[in-house]
């Protein structure tokens, strides 16, 4: 874990001050949005049609 932190630019003293929550935020992947449901897609199509 300390090596991973070093690769991210976190100095050892900073690593030891991290809370578990902070560590998880640093190492979590990018947040992914949930896929659109059919109803959401249909509302978007009505609001922003492809043709003008």
PDB file of N, CA and C in Angstrom:
ATOM      1  N   UNK A   1       0.823  -1.179   0.000  1.00  0.00           N
ATOM      2  CA  UNK A   1       0.000   0.000   0.000  1.00  0.00           C
ATOM      3  C   UNK A   1       0.874   1.253   0.000  1.00  0.00           C
ATOM      4  N   UNK A   2       1.951   1.190   0.718  1.00  0.00           N
ATOM      5  CA  UNK A   2       2.834   2.349   0.771  1.00  0.00           C
ATOM      6  C   UNK A   2       3.485   2.592  -0.590  1.00  0.00           C
ATOM      7  N   UNK A   3       3.828   1.522  -1.311  1.00  0.00           N
ATOM      8  CA  UNK A   3       4.405   1.672  -2.645  1.00  0.00           C
ATOM      9  C   UNK A   3       3.393   2.300  -3.602  1.00  0.00           C
ATOM     10  N   UNK A   4       2.149   1.888  -3.503  1.00  0.00           N
ATOM     11  CA  UNK A   4       1.101   2.473  -4.346  1.00  0.00           C
ATOM     12  C   UNK A   4       0.950   3.956  -4.040  1.00  0.00           C
ATOM     13  N   UNK A   5       0.987   4.302  -2.767  1.00  0.00           N
ATOM     14  CA  UNK A   5       0.879   5.704  -2.373  1.00  0.00           C
ATOM     15  C   UNK A   5       2.064   6.500  -2.924  1.00  0.00           C
ATOM     16  N   UNK A   6       3.261   5.924  -2.881  1.00  0.00           N
ATOM     17  CA  UNK A   6       4.447   6.602  -3.400  1.00  0.00           C
ATOM     18  C   UNK A   6       4.309   6.841  -4.903  1.00  0.00           C
ATOM     19  N   UNK A   7       3.750   5.871  -5.635  1.00  0.00           N
ATOM     20  CA  UNK A   7       3.537   6.048  -7.077  1.00  0.00           C
ATOM     21  C   UNK A   7       2.540   7.166  -7.356  1.00  0.00           C
ATOM     22  N   UNK A   8       1.638   7.431  -6.401  1.00  0.00           N
ATOM     23  CA  UNK A   8       0.659   8.514  -6.554  1.00  0.00           C
ATOM     24  C   UNK A   8       1.217   9.844  -6.064  1.00  0.00           C
ATOM     25  N   UNK A   9       2.448   9.824  -5.549  1.00  0.00           N
ATOM     26  CA  UNK A   9       3.071  11.063  -5.089  1.00  0.00           C
ATOM     27  C   UNK A   9       2.811  11.391  -3.632  1.00  0.00           C
ATOM     28  N   UNK A  10       2.333  10.418  -2.875  1.00  0.00           N
ATOM     29  CA  UNK A  10       2.073  10.640  -1.445  1.00  0.00           C
ATOM     30  C   UNK A  10       3.348  10.290  -0.672  1.00  0.00           C
ATOM     31  N   UNK A  11       3.879  11.249   0.062  1.00  0.00           N
ATOM     32  CA  UNK A  11       5.085  11.026   0.862  1.00  0.00           C
ATOM     33  C   UNK A  11       4.748  10.098   2.033  1.00  0.00           C
ATOM     34  N   UNK A  12       5.758   9.398   2.571  1.00  0.00           N
ATOM     35  CA  UNK A  12       5.493   8.473   3.682  1.00  0.00           C
ATOM     36  C   UNK A  12       4.754   9.101   4.861  1.00  0.00           C
ATOM     37  N   UNK A  13       5.150  10.321   5.245  1.00  0.00           N
ATOM     38  CA  UNK A  13       4.458  10.944   6.394  1.00  0.00           C
ATOM     39  C   UNK A  13       3.001  11.241   6.046  1.00  0.00           C
ATOM     40  N   UNK A  14       2.727  11.580   4.800  1.00  0.00           N
ATOM     41  CA  UNK A  14       1.346  11.804   4.366  1.00  0.00           C
ATOM     42  C   UNK A  14       0.562  10.504   4.327  1.00  0.00           C
ATOM     43  N   UNK A  15       1.239   9.429   3.902  1.00  0.00           N
ATOM     44  CA  UNK A  15       0.600   8.113   3.877  1.00  0.00           C
ATOM     45  C   UNK A  15       0.113   7.717   5.261  1.00  0.00           C
ATOM     46  N   UNK A  16       0.950   7.903   6.269  1.00  0.00           N
ATOM     47  CA  UNK A  16       0.595   7.481   7.621  1.00  0.00           C
ATOM     48  C   UNK A  16      -0.488   8.357   8.246  1.00  0.00           C
ATOM     49  N   UNK A  17      -0.701   9.546   7.708  1.00  0.00           N
ATOM     50  CA  UNK A  17      -1.771  10.417   8.219  1.00  0.00           C
ATOM     51  C   UNK A  17      -3.111  10.151   7.539  1.00  0.00           C
ATOM     52  N   UNK A  18      -3.123   9.384   6.445  1.00  0.00           N
ATOM     53  CA  UNK A  18      -4.374   9.122   5.729  1.00  0.00           C
ATOM     54  C   UNK A  18      -5.334   8.296   6.581  1.00  0.00           C
ATOM     55  N   UNK A  19      -6.596   8.670   6.542  1.00  0.00           N
ATOM     56  CA  UNK A  19      -7.618   7.822   7.161  1.00  0.00           C
ATOM     57  C   UNK A  19      -7.961   6.722   6.154  1.00  0.00           C
ATOM     58  N   UNK A  20      -8.638   5.695   6.614  1.00  0.00           N
ATOM     59  CA  UNK A  20      -9.048   4.620   5.722  1.00  0.00           C
ATOM     60  C   UNK A  20      -9.962   5.157   4.622  1.00  0.00           C
ATOM     61  N   UNK A  21     -10.834   6.083   4.981  1.00  0.00           N
ATOM     62  CA  UNK A  21     -11.742   6.691   4.002  1.00  0.00           C
ATOM     63  C   UNK A  21     -10.956   7.445   2.932  1.00  0.00           C
ATOM     64  N   UNK A  22      -9.943   8.204   3.343  1.00  0.00           N
ATOM     65  CA  UNK A  22      -9.115   8.946   2.393  1.00  0.00           C
ATOM     66  C   UNK A  22      -8.351   7.994   1.478  1.00  0.00           C
ATOM     67  N   UNK A  23      -7.823   6.914   2.043  1.00  0.00           N
ATOM     68  CA  UNK A  23      -7.094   5.924   1.248  1.00  0.00           C
ATOM     69  C   UNK A  23      -8.016   5.300   0.203  1.00  0.00           C
ATOM     70  N   UNK A  24      -9.213   4.951   0.602  1.00  0.00           N
ATOM     71  CA  UNK A  24     -10.169   4.360  -0.343  1.00  0.00           C
ATOM     72  C   UNK A  24     -10.522   5.338  -1.459  1.00  0.00           C
ATOM     73  N   UNK A  25     -10.647   6.613  -1.132  1.00  0.00           N
ATOM     74  CA  UNK A  25     -10.946   7.618  -2.147  1.00  0.00           C
ATOM     75  C   UNK A  25      -9.778   7.759  -3.125  1.00  0.00           C
ATOM     76  N   UNK A  26      -8.557   7.695  -2.612  1.00  0.00           N
ATOM     77  CA  UNK A  26      -7.384   7.798  -3.480  1.00  0.00           C
ATOM     78  C   UNK A  26      -7.253   6.615  -4.427  1.00  0.00           C
ATOM     79  N   UNK A  27      -7.606   5.445  -3.947  1.00  0.00           N
ATOM     80  CA  UNK A  27      -7.369   4.227  -4.726  1.00  0.00           C
ATOM     81  C   UNK A  27      -8.591   3.741  -5.494  1.00  0.00           C
ATOM     82  N   UNK A  28      -9.730   4.381  -5.294  1.00  0.00           N
ATOM     83  CA  UNK A  28     -10.934   3.965  -6.019  1.00  0.00           C
ATOM     84  C   UNK A  28     -10.810   4.360  -7.485  1.00  0.00           C
ATOM     85  N   UNK A  29     -11.388   3.558  -8.342  1.00  0.00           N
ATOM     86  CA  UNK A  29     -11.413   3.890  -9.762  1.00  0.00           C
ATOM     87  C   UNK A  29     -12.401   5.020 -10.011  1.00  0.00           C
ATOM     88  N   UNK A  30     -12.428   5.494 -11.236  1.00  0.00           N
ATOM     89  CA  UNK A  30     -13.370   6.575 -11.547  1.00  0.00           C
ATOM     90  C   UNK A  30     -14.816   6.124 -11.365  1.00  0.00           C
ATOM     91  N   UNK A  31     -15.629   7.030 -10.884  1.00  0.00           N
ATOM     92  CA  UNK A  31     -17.046   6.716 -10.684  1.00  0.00           C
ATOM     93  C   UNK A  31     -17.717   6.490 -12.028  1.00  0.00           C
ATOM     94  N   UNK A  32     -18.556   5.506 -12.082  1.00  0.00           N
ATOM     95  CA  UNK A  32     -19.272   5.174 -13.304  1.00  0.00           C
ATOM     96  C   UNK A  32     -20.744   5.483 -13.119  1.00  0.00           C
ATOM     97  N   UNK A  33     -21.312   6.158 -14.077  1.00  0.00           N
ATOM     98  CA  UNK A  33     -22.744   6.443 -14.035  1.00  0.00           C
ATOM     99  C   UNK A  33     -23.506   5.173 -14.417  1.00  0.00           C
ATOM    100  N   UNK A  34     -24.666   5.004 -13.829  1.00  0.00           N
ATOM    101  CA  UNK A  34     -25.516   3.863 -14.172  1.00  0.00           C
ATOM    102  C   UNK A  34     -26.045   4.052 -15.594  1.00  0.00           C
ATOM    103  N   UNK A  35     -26.251   2.967 -16.318  1.00  0.00           N
ATOM    104  CA  UNK A  35     -26.794   3.100 -17.673  1.00  0.00           C
ATOM    105  C   UNK A  35     -28.197   3.689 -17.642  1.00  0.00           C
ATOM    106  N   UNK A  36     -28.555   4.373 -18.723  1.00  0.00           N
ATOM    107  CA  UNK A  36     -29.892   4.949 -18.816  1.00  0.00           C
ATOM    108  C   UNK A  36     -30.945   3.861 -18.934  1.00  0.00           C
ATOM    109  N   UNK A  37     -32.054   4.087 -18.273  1.00  0.00           N
ATOM    110  CA  UNK A  37     -33.202   3.211 -18.460  1.00  0.00           C
ATOM    111  C   UNK A  37     -33.970   3.648 -19.695  1.00  0.00           C
ATOM    112  N   UNK A  38     -34.864   2.816 -20.158  1.00  0.00           N
ATOM    113  CA  UNK A  38     -35.622   3.125 -21.368  1.00  0.00           C
ATOM    114  C   UNK A  38     -36.416   4.420 -21.215  1.00  0.00           C
ATOM    115  N   UNK A  39     -37.057   4.605 -20.066  1.00  0.00           N
ATOM    116  CA  UNK A  39     -37.841   5.814 -19.832  1.00  0.00           C
ATOM    117  C   UNK A  39     -36.994   7.069 -19.894  1.00  0.00           C
ATOM    118  N   UNK A  40     -35.811   7.018 -19.300  1.00  0.00           N
ATOM    119  CA  UNK A  40     -34.910   8.173 -19.332  1.00  0.00           C
ATOM    120  C   UNK A  40     -34.474   8.487 -20.760  1.00  0.00           C
ATOM    121  N   UNK A  41     -34.159   7.452 -21.514  1.00  0.00           N
ATOM    122  CA  UNK A  41     -33.747   7.642 -22.901  1.00  0.00           C
ATOM    123  C   UNK A  41     -34.880   8.252 -23.717  1.00  0.00           C
ATOM    124  N   UNK A  42     -36.094   7.758 -23.536  1.00  0.00           N
ATOM    125  CA  UNK A  42     -37.236   8.287 -24.289  1.00  0.00           C
ATOM    126  C   UNK A  42     -37.496   9.753 -23.944  1.00  0.00           C
ATOM    127  N   UNK A  43     -37.376  10.121 -22.666  1.00  0.00           N
ATOM    128  CA  UNK A  43     -37.546  11.526 -22.273  1.00  0.00           C
ATOM    129  C   UNK A  43     -36.473  12.407 -22.914  1.00  0.00           C
ATOM    130  N   UNK A  44     -35.253  11.925 -22.974  1.00  0.00           N
ATOM    131  CA  UNK A  44     -34.186  12.689 -23.617  1.00  0.00           C
ATOM    132  C   UNK A  44     -34.446  12.844 -25.119  1.00  0.00           C
ATOM    133  N   UNK A  45     -34.932  11.775 -25.745  1.00  0.00           N
ATOM    134  CA  UNK A  45     -35.222  11.835 -27.178  1.00  0.00           C
ATOM    135  C   UNK A  45     -36.337  12.832 -27.474  1.00  0.00           C
ATOM    136  N   UNK A  46     -37.311  12.901 -26.590  1.00  0.00           N
ATOM    137  CA  UNK A  46     -38.399  13.863 -26.780  1.00  0.00           C
ATOM    138  C   UNK A  46     -37.905  15.290 -26.568  1.00  0.00           C
ATOM    139  N   UNK A  47     -37.081  15.470 -25.576  1.00  0.00           N
ATOM    140  CA  UNK A  47     -36.614  16.818 -25.249  1.00  0.00           C
ATOM    141  C   UNK A  47     -35.589  17.332 -26.266  1.00  0.00           C
ATOM    142  N   UNK A  48     -34.716  16.457 -26.741  1.00  0.00           N
ATOM    143  CA  UNK A  48     -33.669  16.845 -27.675  1.00  0.00           C
ATOM    144  C   UNK A  48     -33.686  15.921 -28.888  1.00  0.00           C
ATOM    145  N   UNK A  49     -34.645  16.114 -29.786  1.00  0.00           N
ATOM    146  CA  UNK A  49     -34.712  15.243 -30.971  1.00  0.00           C
ATOM    147  C   UNK A  49     -33.488  15.454 -31.888  1.00  0.00           C
ATOM    148  N   UNK A  50     -33.166  14.431 -32.656  1.00  0.00           N
ATOM    149  CA  UNK A  50     -32.023  14.514 -33.571  1.00  0.00           C
ATOM    150  C   UNK A  50     -32.279  15.466 -34.726  1.00  0.00           C
ATOM    151  N   UNK A  51     -33.504  15.468 -35.249  1.00  0.00           N
ATOM    152  CA  UNK A  51     -33.790  16.356 -36.379  1.00  0.00           C
ATOM    153  C   UNK A  51     -34.300  17.701 -35.887  1.00  0.00           C
ATOM    154  N   UNK A  52     -34.090  18.727 -36.656  1.00  0.00           N
ATOM    155  CA  UNK A  52     -34.505  20.084 -36.255  1.00  0.00           C
ATOM    156  C   UNK A  52     -35.702  20.534 -37.016  1.00  0.00           C
TER     157      UNK A  52
END
